[in-house]
Amino acid sequence: MAALEAPPFQNASVSERREVNGVTSAEEGPLR
């Protein structure tokens, strides 16, 4: 889902992107 929020960002950047949004791996885990 992070890709939809950051289309210009790559998978590697997604990790940094979710941190900027304040989304932790705890939330990203269940989503995926």
Protein backbone atom coordinates (compact mmCIF):
# COMPACT_ATOMS: atom_id res chain seq x y z
CA MET A 1 0.00 0.00 0.00
CA ALA A 2 2.96 2.30 0.67
CA ALA A 3 3.72 2.25 -3.05
CA LEU A 4 0.39 3.98 -3.72
CA GLU A 5 1.31 6.78 -1.34
CA ALA A 6 4.79 7.13 -2.83
CA PRO A 7 4.68 6.14 -6.52
CA PRO A 8 8.00 7.87 -7.35
CA PHE A 9 9.67 5.99 -4.50
CA GLN A 10 11.24 2.57 -4.94
CA ASN A 11 10.88 -0.43 -2.60
CA ALA A 12 14.04 0.66 -0.80
CA SER A 13 12.62 4.15 -0.35
CA VAL A 14 9.34 2.75 0.93
CA SER A 15 11.07 1.82 4.18
CA GLU A 16 12.10 5.45 4.67
CA ARG A 17 8.74 6.71 3.42
CA ARG A 18 6.73 4.79 6.03
CA GLU A 19 8.96 6.22 8.77
CA VAL A 20 8.28 9.76 7.54
CA ASN A 21 4.55 9.05 7.68
CA GLY A 22 5.01 7.80 11.25
CA VAL A 23 3.96 4.28 10.27
CA THR A 24 5.95 1.67 12.17
CA SER A 25 6.75 -1.88 11.03
CA ALA A 26 4.11 -3.03 13.54
CA GLU A 27 1.40 -1.46 11.37
CA GLU A 28 3.07 -2.37 8.10
CA GLY A 29 3.31 -6.04 9.17
CA PRO A 30 -0.43 -6.80 9.51
CA LEU A 31 -1.25 -4.74 6.41
CA ARG A 32 0.92 -7.05 4.38
